[in-house]
């Protein structure tokens, strides 16, 4: 075992509290909540793509409160500039020098709301922050706080006023999720329940940032067997050989698949990864990185993942 005794059970219990609290606000979406949590535990950034009004922003707010993270929301618009995200230096008369004023990216959890409504130049301002956990402004590099996450939401690309995210930026997101409409029971509870904003305001943190960093470390220690690595490689190699996709999964995507599977196993209370863990996170990790050859039929991330699971046997 690669985790010390009792750590897996303690981690799972803490994470279950986060899942339960989040599920009381975001109704009927426990699987998506677990996937979002696995993404953050694997030190990744999360993209939530769906129609307006299905709870994308609410999910980000609740996760920030439940994980005890300093939170900042950036509403992306077409006239936003990179300095609006990173920050800007302003001349200080008293010191006769320029003083840097940090932008909203200097937070532990940044919600990039409707990120695809900003221009590509502004979207790219997030790239260095997401990859390096630092920003460079006016020749000086500044570290971002730890832990640091970006949760971005975007509307479907066919909606008016959107700028599609380039592949290079899409690849920075460890996982992409779709929430979808709630089922009938969940929507009825939503209609008859308390206002979600009031519920969020009353939430208490289930973890501290230090505990979250420890859980990230525990996720990296979850055991991955050679046979499990064989399975991941088989999935990745299939996408590279298959005529169904324009390009196959990259080595970065393979690393993301293993990292998210480790985190999913930890959420589920296991200290080793099983093939079902890989299958659970496959749609979130691979869906936005694989582009099916156009044949007139729209394939969702779930469709792609189901096809891969069926095509590639477990070793």
C-alpha atoms as a PDB file:
ATOM      1  CA  UNK A   1       0.000   0.000   0.000  1.00  0.00           C
ATOM      2  CA  UNK A   2       1.249   3.435  -0.856  1.00  0.00           C
ATOM      3  CA  UNK A   3      -0.954   5.399   1.548  1.00  0.00           C
ATOM      4  CA  UNK A   4      -0.235   5.242   5.264  1.00  0.00           C
ATOM      5  CA  UNK A   5      -2.764   3.354   7.434  1.00  0.00           C
ATOM      6  CA  UNK A   6      -6.043   5.136   8.010  1.00  0.00           C
ATOM      7  CA  UNK A   7      -5.316   7.952   5.556  1.00  0.00           C
ATOM      8  CA  UNK A   8      -7.590   6.580   2.826  1.00  0.00           C
ATOM      9  CA  UNK A   9     -10.557   6.164   5.200  1.00  0.00           C
ATOM     10  CA  UNK A  10     -10.046   9.635   6.729  1.00  0.00           C
ATOM     11  CA  UNK A  11      -9.712  11.221   3.283  1.00  0.00           C
ATOM     12  CA  UNK A  12     -12.811   9.463   1.990  1.00  0.00           C
ATOM     13  CA  UNK A  13     -14.866  10.574   5.012  1.00  0.00           C
ATOM     14  CA  UNK A  14     -13.799  14.211   4.569  1.00  0.00           C
ATOM     15  CA  UNK A  15     -14.541  14.114   0.853  1.00  0.00           C
ATOM     16  CA  UNK A  16     -17.939  12.522   1.446  1.00  0.00           C
ATOM     17  CA  UNK A  17     -18.848  15.500   3.643  1.00  0.00           C
ATOM     18  CA  UNK A  18     -17.980  17.819   0.738  1.00  0.00           C
ATOM     19  CA  UNK A  19     -20.043  15.724  -1.698  1.00  0.00           C
ATOM     20  CA  UNK A  20     -23.044  15.591   0.654  1.00  0.00           C
ATOM     21  CA  UNK A  21     -23.015  19.326   1.350  1.00  0.00           C
ATOM     22  CA  UNK A  22     -22.647  20.204  -2.331  1.00  0.00           C
ATOM     23  CA  UNK A  23     -25.431  17.769  -3.270  1.00  0.00           C
ATOM     24  CA  UNK A  24     -27.848  19.591  -0.965  1.00  0.00           C
ATOM     25  CA  UNK A  25     -27.463  22.711  -3.104  1.00  0.00           C
ATOM     26  CA  UNK A  26     -26.793  21.295  -6.579  1.00  0.00           C
ATOM     27  CA  UNK A  27     -29.564  18.711  -6.720  1.00  0.00           C
ATOM     28  CA  UNK A  28     -29.451  15.443  -8.617  1.00  0.00           C
ATOM     29  CA  UNK A  29     -25.851  15.842  -9.832  1.00  0.00           C
ATOM     30  CA  UNK A  30     -23.810  13.730  -7.408  1.00  0.00           C
ATOM     31  CA  UNK A  31     -21.777  12.053 -10.158  1.00  0.00           C
ATOM     32  CA  UNK A  32     -20.762  15.408 -11.656  1.00  0.00           C
ATOM     33  CA  UNK A  33     -19.896  16.707  -8.165  1.00  0.00           C
ATOM     34  CA  UNK A  34     -17.640  13.699  -7.557  1.00  0.00           C
ATOM     35  CA  UNK A  35     -15.964  14.213 -10.933  1.00  0.00           C
ATOM     36  CA  UNK A  36     -15.395  17.907 -10.193  1.00  0.00           C
ATOM     37  CA  UNK A  37     -13.882  17.000  -6.842  1.00  0.00           C
ATOM     38  CA  UNK A  38     -11.634  14.371  -8.468  1.00  0.00           C
ATOM     39  CA  UNK A  39     -10.451  17.000 -10.946  1.00  0.00           C
ATOM     40  CA  UNK A  40      -9.475  19.411  -8.161  1.00  0.00           C
ATOM     41  CA  UNK A  41      -7.824  16.656  -6.092  1.00  0.00           C
ATOM     42  CA  UNK A  42      -5.661  15.782  -9.105  1.00  0.00           C
ATOM     43  CA  UNK A  43      -4.436  19.410  -9.176  1.00  0.00           C
ATOM     44  CA  UNK A  44      -6.332  20.063 -12.389  1.00  0.00           C
ATOM     45  CA  UNK A  45      -8.551  22.816 -13.731  1.00  0.00           C
ATOM     46  CA  UNK A  46     -12.196  22.238 -14.585  1.00  0.00           C
ATOM     47  CA  UNK A  47     -14.300  23.372 -17.549  1.00  0.00           C
ATOM     48  CA  UNK A  48     -18.083  23.186 -17.214  1.00  0.00           C
ATOM     49  CA  UNK A  49     -19.900  23.568 -20.528  1.00  0.00           C
ATOM     50  CA  UNK A  50     -23.666  23.732 -20.732  1.00  0.00           C
ATOM     51  CA  UNK A  51     -26.671  25.908 -21.355  1.00  0.00           C
ATOM     52  CA  UNK A  52     -27.202  28.995 -19.167  1.00  0.00           C
ATOM     53  CA  UNK A  53     -29.168  28.385 -15.982  1.00  0.00           C
ATOM     54  CA  UNK A  54     -28.385  24.731 -15.223  1.00  0.00           C
ATOM     55  CA  UNK A  55     -26.161  25.415 -12.177  1.00  0.00           C
ATOM     56  CA  UNK A  56     -22.608  25.802 -13.509  1.00  0.00           C
ATOM     57  CA  UNK A  57     -21.803  28.918 -11.461  1.00  0.00           C
ATOM     58  CA  UNK A  58     -23.636  27.569  -8.415  1.00  0.00           C
ATOM     59  CA  UNK A  59     -21.488  24.419  -8.435  1.00  0.00           C
ATOM     60  CA  UNK A  60     -18.288  26.503  -8.459  1.00  0.00           C
ATOM     61  CA  UNK A  61     -19.541  28.694  -5.584  1.00  0.00           C
ATOM     62  CA  UNK A  62     -20.504  25.697  -3.441  1.00  0.00           C
ATOM     63  CA  UNK A  63     -17.202  23.892  -4.032  1.00  0.00           C
ATOM     64  CA  UNK A  64     -15.271  27.015  -3.024  1.00  0.00           C
ATOM     65  CA  UNK A  65     -17.263  27.355   0.217  1.00  0.00           C
ATOM     66  CA  UNK A  66     -17.118  23.636   1.024  1.00  0.00           C
ATOM     67  CA  UNK A  67     -13.359  23.410   0.408  1.00  0.00           C
ATOM     68  CA  UNK A  68     -12.645  26.562   2.441  1.00  0.00           C
ATOM     69  CA  UNK A  69     -10.939  28.364  -0.449  1.00  0.00           C
ATOM     70  CA  UNK A  70     -10.521  32.076  -1.112  1.00  0.00           C
ATOM     71  CA  UNK A  71     -12.809  32.637  -4.082  1.00  0.00           C
ATOM     72  CA  UNK A  72     -13.049  35.201  -6.850  1.00  0.00           C
ATOM     73  CA  UNK A  73     -15.420  35.292  -9.784  1.00  0.00           C
ATOM     74  CA  UNK A  74     -14.435  36.906 -13.083  1.00  0.00           C
ATOM     75  CA  UNK A  75     -17.305  37.618 -15.459  1.00  0.00           C
ATOM     76  CA  UNK A  76     -15.802  37.379 -18.936  1.00  0.00           C
ATOM     77  CA  UNK A  77     -17.082  39.832 -21.554  1.00  0.00           C
ATOM     78  CA  UNK A  78     -16.053  40.744 -25.073  1.00  0.00           C
ATOM     79  CA  UNK A  79     -14.425  44.032 -23.969  1.00  0.00           C
ATOM     80  CA  UNK A  80     -12.327  42.531 -21.157  1.00  0.00           C
ATOM     81  CA  UNK A  81      -8.532  42.984 -21.300  1.00  0.00           C
ATOM     82  CA  UNK A  82      -5.758  40.705 -19.939  1.00  0.00           C
ATOM     83  CA  UNK A  83      -4.907  43.333 -17.280  1.00  0.00           C
ATOM     84  CA  UNK A  84      -8.433  42.944 -15.902  1.00  0.00           C
ATOM     85  CA  UNK A  85      -7.434  39.383 -14.931  1.00  0.00           C
ATOM     86  CA  UNK A  86      -3.747  39.631 -14.046  1.00  0.00           C
ATOM     87  CA  UNK A  87      -3.615  43.102 -12.518  1.00  0.00           C
ATOM     88  CA  UNK A  88      -1.981  46.402 -13.346  1.00  0.00           C
ATOM     89  CA  UNK A  89       0.708  48.737 -12.020  1.00  0.00           C
ATOM     90  CA  UNK A  90      -0.468  52.191 -10.937  1.00  0.00           C
ATOM     91  CA  UNK A  91       1.811  55.150 -10.243  1.00  0.00           C
ATOM     92  CA  UNK A  92       2.028  55.996  -6.565  1.00  0.00           C
ATOM     93  CA  UNK A  93       2.833  59.661  -5.987  1.00  0.00           C
ATOM     94  CA  UNK A  94       3.973  59.179  -2.388  1.00  0.00           C
ATOM     95  CA  UNK A  95       6.678  56.671  -3.303  1.00  0.00           C
ATOM     96  CA  UNK A  96       7.264  58.079  -6.789  1.00  0.00           C
ATOM     97  CA  UNK A  97       7.088  54.570  -8.204  1.00  0.00           C
ATOM     98  CA  UNK A  98       4.665  52.168  -9.811  1.00  0.00           C
ATOM     99  CA  UNK A  99       2.848  49.779  -7.467  1.00  0.00           C
ATOM    100  CA  UNK A 100       1.391  46.506  -8.728  1.00  0.00           C
ATOM    101  CA  UNK A 101      -2.273  45.896  -7.897  1.00  0.00           C
ATOM    102  CA  UNK A 102      -3.024  42.164  -8.198  1.00  0.00           C
ATOM    103  CA  UNK A 103      -5.978  41.141 -10.330  1.00  0.00           C
ATOM    104  CA  UNK A 104      -8.665  38.609  -9.418  1.00  0.00           C
ATOM    105  CA  UNK A 105      -6.516  35.687 -10.649  1.00  0.00           C
ATOM    106  CA  UNK A 106      -4.619  35.949  -7.328  1.00  0.00           C
ATOM    107  CA  UNK A 107      -7.094  33.729  -5.499  1.00  0.00           C
ATOM    108  CA  UNK A 108      -7.205  30.055  -4.526  1.00  0.00           C
ATOM    109  CA  UNK A 109     -10.248  29.285  -6.648  1.00  0.00           C
ATOM    110  CA  UNK A 110     -10.978  31.461  -9.656  1.00  0.00           C
ATOM    111  CA  UNK A 111     -14.317  31.159 -11.424  1.00  0.00           C
ATOM    112  CA  UNK A 112     -13.880  32.227 -15.055  1.00  0.00           C
ATOM    113  CA  UNK A 113     -17.559  32.688 -15.814  1.00  0.00           C
ATOM    114  CA  UNK A 114     -18.577  32.408 -19.482  1.00  0.00           C
ATOM    115  CA  UNK A 115     -14.915  32.274 -20.475  1.00  0.00           C
ATOM    116  CA  UNK A 116     -15.725  31.918 -24.172  1.00  0.00           C
ATOM    117  CA  UNK A 117     -17.407  35.327 -24.309  1.00  0.00           C
ATOM    118  CA  UNK A 118     -13.980  37.005 -24.053  1.00  0.00           C
ATOM    119  CA  UNK A 119     -11.644  37.464 -26.987  1.00  0.00           C
ATOM    120  CA  UNK A 120      -8.823  34.920 -27.570  1.00  0.00           C
ATOM    121  CA  UNK A 121      -6.249  37.467 -26.342  1.00  0.00           C
ATOM    122  CA  UNK A 122      -7.999  37.739 -22.993  1.00  0.00           C
ATOM    123  CA  UNK A 123      -8.597  33.991 -22.775  1.00  0.00           C
ATOM    124  CA  UNK A 124      -4.863  33.447 -23.217  1.00  0.00           C
ATOM    125  CA  UNK A 125      -4.147  35.545 -20.101  1.00  0.00           C
ATOM    126  CA  UNK A 126      -5.197  32.493 -18.083  1.00  0.00           C
ATOM    127  CA  UNK A 127      -2.779  30.105 -19.827  1.00  0.00           C
ATOM    128  CA  UNK A 128       0.370  30.801 -17.816  1.00  0.00           C
ATOM    129  CA  UNK A 129      -1.584  30.943 -14.565  1.00  0.00           C
ATOM    130  CA  UNK A 130      -3.201  27.560 -15.208  1.00  0.00           C
ATOM    131  CA  UNK A 131      -0.026  25.810 -16.350  1.00  0.00           C
ATOM    132  CA  UNK A 132       2.676  27.366 -14.167  1.00  0.00           C
ATOM    133  CA  UNK A 133       0.683  28.646 -11.153  1.00  0.00           C
ATOM    134  CA  UNK A 134       2.297  32.031 -11.732  1.00  0.00           C
ATOM    135  CA  UNK A 135       1.764  35.174 -13.814  1.00  0.00           C
ATOM    136  CA  UNK A 136       4.279  37.469 -15.443  1.00  0.00           C
ATOM    137  CA  UNK A 137       3.310  41.115 -15.619  1.00  0.00           C
ATOM    138  CA  UNK A 138       5.578  43.972 -16.684  1.00  0.00           C
ATOM    139  CA  UNK A 139       8.677  41.798 -16.557  1.00  0.00           C
ATOM    140  CA  UNK A 140       8.129  40.386 -13.077  1.00  0.00           C
ATOM    141  CA  UNK A 141       6.934  36.900 -12.247  1.00  0.00           C
ATOM    142  CA  UNK A 142       4.579  36.480  -9.298  1.00  0.00           C
ATOM    143  CA  UNK A 143       3.502  33.197  -7.727  1.00  0.00           C
ATOM    144  CA  UNK A 144      -0.157  32.401  -7.266  1.00  0.00           C
ATOM    145  CA  UNK A 145      -1.541  31.080  -3.960  1.00  0.00           C
ATOM    146  CA  UNK A 146      -1.661  27.357  -3.154  1.00  0.00           C
ATOM    147  CA  UNK A 147      -3.851  25.530  -3.785  1.00  0.00           C
ATOM    148  CA  UNK A 148      -4.846  27.219  -7.056  1.00  0.00           C
ATOM    149  CA  UNK A 149      -7.721  26.157  -9.289  1.00  0.00           C
ATOM    150  CA  UNK A 150      -9.552  27.589 -12.245  1.00  0.00           C
ATOM    151  CA  UNK A 151     -13.148  26.538 -12.785  1.00  0.00           C
ATOM    152  CA  UNK A 152     -14.316  27.955 -16.101  1.00  0.00           C
ATOM    153  CA  UNK A 153     -17.851  27.888 -17.420  1.00  0.00           C
ATOM    154  CA  UNK A 154     -18.783  28.308 -21.035  1.00  0.00           C
ATOM    155  CA  UNK A 155     -21.928  28.363 -23.078  1.00  0.00           C
ATOM    156  CA  UNK A 156     -22.314  26.095 -26.118  1.00  0.00           C
ATOM    157  CA  UNK A 157     -20.349  27.433 -29.107  1.00  0.00           C
ATOM    158  CA  UNK A 158     -23.468  27.809 -31.246  1.00  0.00           C
ATOM    159  CA  UNK A 159     -24.778  30.595 -28.975  1.00  0.00           C
ATOM    160  CA  UNK A 160     -24.444  34.217 -30.082  1.00  0.00           C
ATOM    161  CA  UNK A 161     -21.371  36.156 -28.906  1.00  0.00           C
ATOM    162  CA  UNK A 162     -19.016  33.289 -28.120  1.00  0.00           C
ATOM    163  CA  UNK A 163     -15.368  32.803 -29.139  1.00  0.00           C
ATOM    164  CA  UNK A 164     -14.447  29.087 -29.242  1.00  0.00           C
ATOM    165  CA  UNK A 165     -11.587  28.156 -26.926  1.00  0.00           C
ATOM    166  CA  UNK A 166      -8.470  27.160 -28.912  1.00  0.00           C
ATOM    167  CA  UNK A 167      -7.223  23.575 -28.544  1.00  0.00           C
ATOM    168  CA  UNK A 168      -4.163  24.766 -26.600  1.00  0.00           C
ATOM    169  CA  UNK A 169      -6.388  26.263 -23.912  1.00  0.00           C
ATOM    170  CA  UNK A 170      -8.891  23.422 -23.898  1.00  0.00           C
ATOM    171  CA  UNK A 171      -5.998  21.066 -23.206  1.00  0.00           C
ATOM    172  CA  UNK A 172      -5.097  23.046 -20.067  1.00  0.00           C
ATOM    173  CA  UNK A 173      -8.341  21.857 -18.506  1.00  0.00           C
ATOM    174  CA  UNK A 174      -7.883  18.485 -16.845  1.00  0.00           C
ATOM    175  CA  UNK A 175     -11.551  17.725 -17.221  1.00  0.00           C
ATOM    176  CA  UNK A 176     -14.696  19.023 -18.913  1.00  0.00           C
ATOM    177  CA  UNK A 177     -18.161  18.353 -17.512  1.00  0.00           C
ATOM    178  CA  UNK A 178     -21.721  18.885 -18.653  1.00  0.00           C
ATOM    179  CA  UNK A 179     -24.429  19.218 -16.001  1.00  0.00           C
ATOM    180  CA  UNK A 180     -27.547  18.812 -18.121  1.00  0.00           C
ATOM    181  CA  UNK A 181     -31.124  19.362 -17.044  1.00  0.00           C
ATOM    182  CA  UNK A 182     -32.145  18.062 -13.600  1.00  0.00           C
ATOM    183  CA  UNK A 183     -34.466  15.078 -13.422  1.00  0.00           C
ATOM    184  CA  UNK A 184     -38.107  15.650 -12.481  1.00  0.00           C
ATOM    185  CA  UNK A 185     -37.710  14.968  -8.742  1.00  0.00           C
ATOM    186  CA  UNK A 186     -34.618  17.156  -8.409  1.00  0.00           C
ATOM    187  CA  UNK A 187     -36.256  20.007 -10.285  1.00  0.00           C
ATOM    188  CA  UNK A 188     -39.381  19.777  -8.125  1.00  0.00           C
ATOM    189  CA  UNK A 189     -37.247  19.963  -4.970  1.00  0.00           C
ATOM    190  CA  UNK A 190     -35.447  22.933  -6.499  1.00  0.00           C
ATOM    191  CA  UNK A 191     -38.719  24.746  -7.241  1.00  0.00           C
ATOM    192  CA  UNK A 192     -40.119  24.143  -3.754  1.00  0.00           C
ATOM    193  CA  UNK A 193     -36.883  24.669  -1.826  1.00  0.00           C
ATOM    194  CA  UNK A 194     -34.886  27.537  -0.390  1.00  0.00           C
ATOM    195  CA  UNK A 195     -33.222  30.074  -2.690  1.00  0.00           C
ATOM    196  CA  UNK A 196     -29.821  28.692  -3.714  1.00  0.00           C
ATOM    197  CA  UNK A 197     -28.046  31.997  -2.948  1.00  0.00           C
ATOM    198  CA  UNK A 198     -29.303  31.883   0.642  1.00  0.00           C
ATOM    199  CA  UNK A 199     -28.141  28.281   0.970  1.00  0.00           C
ATOM    200  CA  UNK A 200     -24.640  29.108  -0.329  1.00  0.00           C
ATOM    201  CA  UNK A 201     -24.307  31.998   2.119  1.00  0.00           C
ATOM    202  CA  UNK A 202     -25.023  29.666   5.043  1.00  0.00           C
ATOM    203  CA  UNK A 203     -22.533  26.939   4.070  1.00  0.00           C
ATOM    204  CA  UNK A 204     -19.546  26.169   6.269  1.00  0.00           C
ATOM    205  CA  UNK A 205     -16.172  24.876   5.087  1.00  0.00           C
ATOM    206  CA  UNK A 206     -15.739  21.091   5.324  1.00  0.00           C
ATOM    207  CA  UNK A 207     -11.951  21.372   4.811  1.00  0.00           C
ATOM    208  CA  UNK A 208      -9.157  23.881   5.238  1.00  0.00           C
ATOM    209  CA  UNK A 209      -6.755  24.724   2.373  1.00  0.00           C
ATOM    210  CA  UNK A 210      -4.017  22.839   4.246  1.00  0.00           C
ATOM    211  CA  UNK A 211      -6.191  19.722   4.506  1.00  0.00           C
ATOM    212  CA  UNK A 212      -7.000  19.995   0.810  1.00  0.00           C
ATOM    213  CA  UNK A 213      -3.284  20.119  -0.032  1.00  0.00           C
ATOM    214  CA  UNK A 214      -2.796  16.987   2.098  1.00  0.00           C
ATOM    215  CA  UNK A 215      -5.607  15.242   0.216  1.00  0.00           C
ATOM    216  CA  UNK A 216      -3.969  16.171  -3.083  1.00  0.00           C
ATOM    217  CA  UNK A 217      -0.810  14.524  -1.794  1.00  0.00           C
ATOM    218  CA  UNK A 218      -2.801  11.443  -0.750  1.00  0.00           C
ATOM    219  CA  UNK A 219      -4.324  11.223  -4.239  1.00  0.00           C
ATOM    220  CA  UNK A 220      -0.858  11.133  -5.795  1.00  0.00           C
ATOM    221  CA  UNK A 221       0.019   8.176  -3.524  1.00  0.00           C
ATOM    222  CA  UNK A 222      -2.919   5.979  -4.603  1.00  0.00           C
ATOM    223  CA  UNK A 223      -1.406   2.813  -6.093  1.00  0.00           C
ATOM    224  CA  UNK A 224      -1.509   2.226  -9.862  1.00  0.00           C
ATOM    225  CA  UNK A 225      -0.573  -1.309 -10.947  1.00  0.00           C
ATOM    226  CA  UNK A 226       1.359  -2.129 -14.146  1.00  0.00           C
ATOM    227  CA  UNK A 227      -1.775  -3.804 -15.534  1.00  0.00           C
ATOM    228  CA  UNK A 228      -3.727  -0.581 -14.972  1.00  0.00           C
ATOM    229  CA  UNK A 229      -1.039   1.376 -16.839  1.00  0.00           C
ATOM    230  CA  UNK A 230      -1.392  -1.166 -19.670  1.00  0.00           C
ATOM    231  CA  UNK A 231      -5.115  -0.387 -19.802  1.00  0.00           C
ATOM    232  CA  UNK A 232      -4.548   3.379 -19.948  1.00  0.00           C
ATOM    233  CA  UNK A 233      -1.967   2.927 -22.690  1.00  0.00           C
ATOM    234  CA  UNK A 234      -4.326   0.694 -24.652  1.00  0.00           C
ATOM    235  CA  UNK A 235      -7.069   3.341 -24.493  1.00  0.00           C
ATOM    236  CA  UNK A 236      -4.685   6.096 -25.575  1.00  0.00           C
ATOM    237  CA  UNK A 237      -3.169   4.025 -28.380  1.00  0.00           C
ATOM    238  CA  UNK A 238      -6.623   3.128 -29.692  1.00  0.00           C
ATOM    239  CA  UNK A 239      -7.531   6.808 -30.087  1.00  0.00           C
ATOM    240  CA  UNK A 240      -4.292   7.384 -32.022  1.00  0.00           C
ATOM    241  CA  UNK A 241      -4.906   4.500 -34.431  1.00  0.00           C
ATOM    242  CA  UNK A 242      -8.658   4.890 -34.844  1.00  0.00           C
ATOM    243  CA  UNK A 243      -9.973   6.556 -38.014  1.00  0.00           C
ATOM    244  CA  UNK A 244     -12.871   7.926 -35.917  1.00  0.00           C
ATOM    245  CA  UNK A 245     -10.792  10.794 -34.491  1.00  0.00           C
ATOM    246  CA  UNK A 246      -8.884  13.664 -36.081  1.00  0.00           C
ATOM    247  CA  UNK A 247      -6.089  13.279 -33.497  1.00  0.00           C
ATOM    248  CA  UNK A 248      -5.493  10.839 -30.665  1.00  0.00           C
ATOM    249  CA  UNK A 249      -4.941  11.559 -26.990  1.00  0.00           C
ATOM    250  CA  UNK A 250      -1.634  13.207 -26.074  1.00  0.00           C
ATOM    251  CA  UNK A 251       0.785  12.127 -23.318  1.00  0.00           C
ATOM    252  CA  UNK A 252      -0.615  15.002 -21.220  1.00  0.00           C
ATOM    253  CA  UNK A 253      -4.089  13.493 -21.603  1.00  0.00           C
ATOM    254  CA  UNK A 254      -2.762  10.077 -20.533  1.00  0.00           C
ATOM    255  CA  UNK A 255      -1.208  11.635 -17.419  1.00  0.00           C
ATOM    256  CA  UNK A 256      -4.497  13.409 -16.692  1.00  0.00           C
ATOM    257  CA  UNK A 257      -6.377  10.130 -17.021  1.00  0.00           C
ATOM    258  CA  UNK A 258      -4.144   8.423 -14.444  1.00  0.00           C
ATOM    259  CA  UNK A 259      -4.216  11.428 -12.070  1.00  0.00           C
ATOM    260  CA  UNK A 260      -8.008  11.733 -12.191  1.00  0.00           C
ATOM    261  CA  UNK A 261      -8.465   7.973 -11.769  1.00  0.00           C
ATOM    262  CA  UNK A 262      -6.274   8.121  -8.654  1.00  0.00           C
ATOM    263  CA  UNK A 263      -8.364  10.971  -7.257  1.00  0.00           C
ATOM    264  CA  UNK A 264     -11.627   9.187  -8.108  1.00  0.00           C
ATOM    265  CA  UNK A 265     -10.397   6.086  -6.275  1.00  0.00           C
ATOM    266  CA  UNK A 266      -9.619   8.239  -3.223  1.00  0.00           C
ATOM    267  CA  UNK A 267     -13.105   9.804  -3.313  1.00  0.00           C
ATOM    268  CA  UNK A 268     -14.509   6.267  -3.457  1.00  0.00           C
ATOM    269  CA  UNK A 269     -12.409   5.219  -0.450  1.00  0.00           C
ATOM    270  CA  UNK A 270      -9.849   2.985  -2.188  1.00  0.00           C
ATOM    271  CA  UNK A 271      -6.054   3.078  -1.970  1.00  0.00           C
ATOM    272  CA  UNK A 272      -5.519   1.549  -5.414  1.00  0.00           C
ATOM    273  CA  UNK A 273      -6.921   2.283  -8.864  1.00  0.00           C
ATOM    274  CA  UNK A 274      -9.161  -0.250 -10.607  1.00  0.00           C
ATOM    275  CA  UNK A 275     -10.244  -0.149 -14.279  1.00  0.00           C
ATOM    276  CA  UNK A 276     -13.677   1.171 -13.310  1.00  0.00           C
ATOM    277  CA  UNK A 277     -11.994   4.293 -11.909  1.00  0.00           C
ATOM    278  CA  UNK A 278     -10.433   4.983 -15.307  1.00  0.00           C
ATOM    279  CA  UNK A 279     -13.778   4.400 -17.010  1.00  0.00           C
ATOM    280  CA  UNK A 280     -15.536   6.751 -14.557  1.00  0.00           C
ATOM    281  CA  UNK A 281     -13.310   9.727 -15.432  1.00  0.00           C
ATOM    282  CA  UNK A 282     -12.756   8.898 -19.113  1.00  0.00           C
ATOM    283  CA  UNK A 283     -15.546  11.050 -20.559  1.00  0.00           C
ATOM    284  CA  UNK A 284     -14.465  14.090 -18.551  1.00  0.00           C
ATOM    285  CA  UNK A 285     -10.783  13.755 -19.455  1.00  0.00           C
ATOM    286  CA  UNK A 286     -11.059  12.645 -23.090  1.00  0.00           C
ATOM    287  CA  UNK A 287     -14.267  14.259 -24.337  1.00  0.00           C
ATOM    288  CA  UNK A 288     -12.873  17.737 -25.013  1.00  0.00           C
ATOM    289  CA  UNK A 289      -9.560  16.447 -26.355  1.00  0.00           C
ATOM    290  CA  UNK A 290     -10.949  14.103 -29.009  1.00  0.00           C
ATOM    291  CA  UNK A 291     -12.557  15.487 -32.158  1.00  0.00           C
ATOM    292  CA  UNK A 292     -14.592  12.869 -34.016  1.00  0.00           C
ATOM    293  CA  UNK A 293     -14.337  12.805 -37.794  1.00  0.00           C
ATOM    294  CA  UNK A 294     -17.428  14.704 -38.955  1.00  0.00           C
ATOM    295  CA  UNK A 295     -20.123  12.397 -40.277  1.00  0.00           C
ATOM    296  CA  UNK A 296     -23.218  14.439 -39.546  1.00  0.00           C
ATOM    297  CA  UNK A 297     -23.872  12.796 -36.170  1.00  0.00           C
ATOM    298  CA  UNK A 298     -23.166  14.719 -32.956  1.00  0.00           C
ATOM    299  CA  UNK A 299     -21.250  12.616 -30.420  1.00  0.00           C
ATOM    300  CA  UNK A 300     -21.193  13.713 -26.792  1.00  0.00           C
ATOM    301  CA  UNK A 301     -18.325  13.105 -24.375  1.00  0.00           C
ATOM    302  CA  UNK A 302     -20.298  10.217 -22.887  1.00  0.00           C
ATOM    303  CA  UNK A 303     -20.795   8.658 -26.329  1.00  0.00           C
ATOM    304  CA  UNK A 304     -17.043   8.866 -26.984  1.00  0.00           C
ATOM    305  CA  UNK A 305     -16.203   7.299 -23.601  1.00  0.00           C
ATOM    306  CA  UNK A 306     -18.720   4.460 -24.059  1.00  0.00           C
ATOM    307  CA  UNK A 307     -17.265   3.721 -27.494  1.00  0.00           C
ATOM    308  CA  UNK A 308     -13.728   3.583 -26.095  1.00  0.00           C
ATOM    309  CA  UNK A 309     -14.701   1.332 -23.172  1.00  0.00           C
ATOM    310  CA  UNK A 310     -16.449  -1.059 -25.569  1.00  0.00           C
ATOM    311  CA  UNK A 311     -13.570  -1.059 -28.072  1.00  0.00           C
ATOM    312  CA  UNK A 312     -10.661  -1.553 -25.636  1.00  0.00           C
ATOM    313  CA  UNK A 313     -10.743  -4.679 -23.423  1.00  0.00           C
ATOM    314  CA  UNK A 314      -9.401  -4.595 -19.865  1.00  0.00           C
ATOM    315  CA  UNK A 315      -6.053  -6.460 -19.758  1.00  0.00           C
END
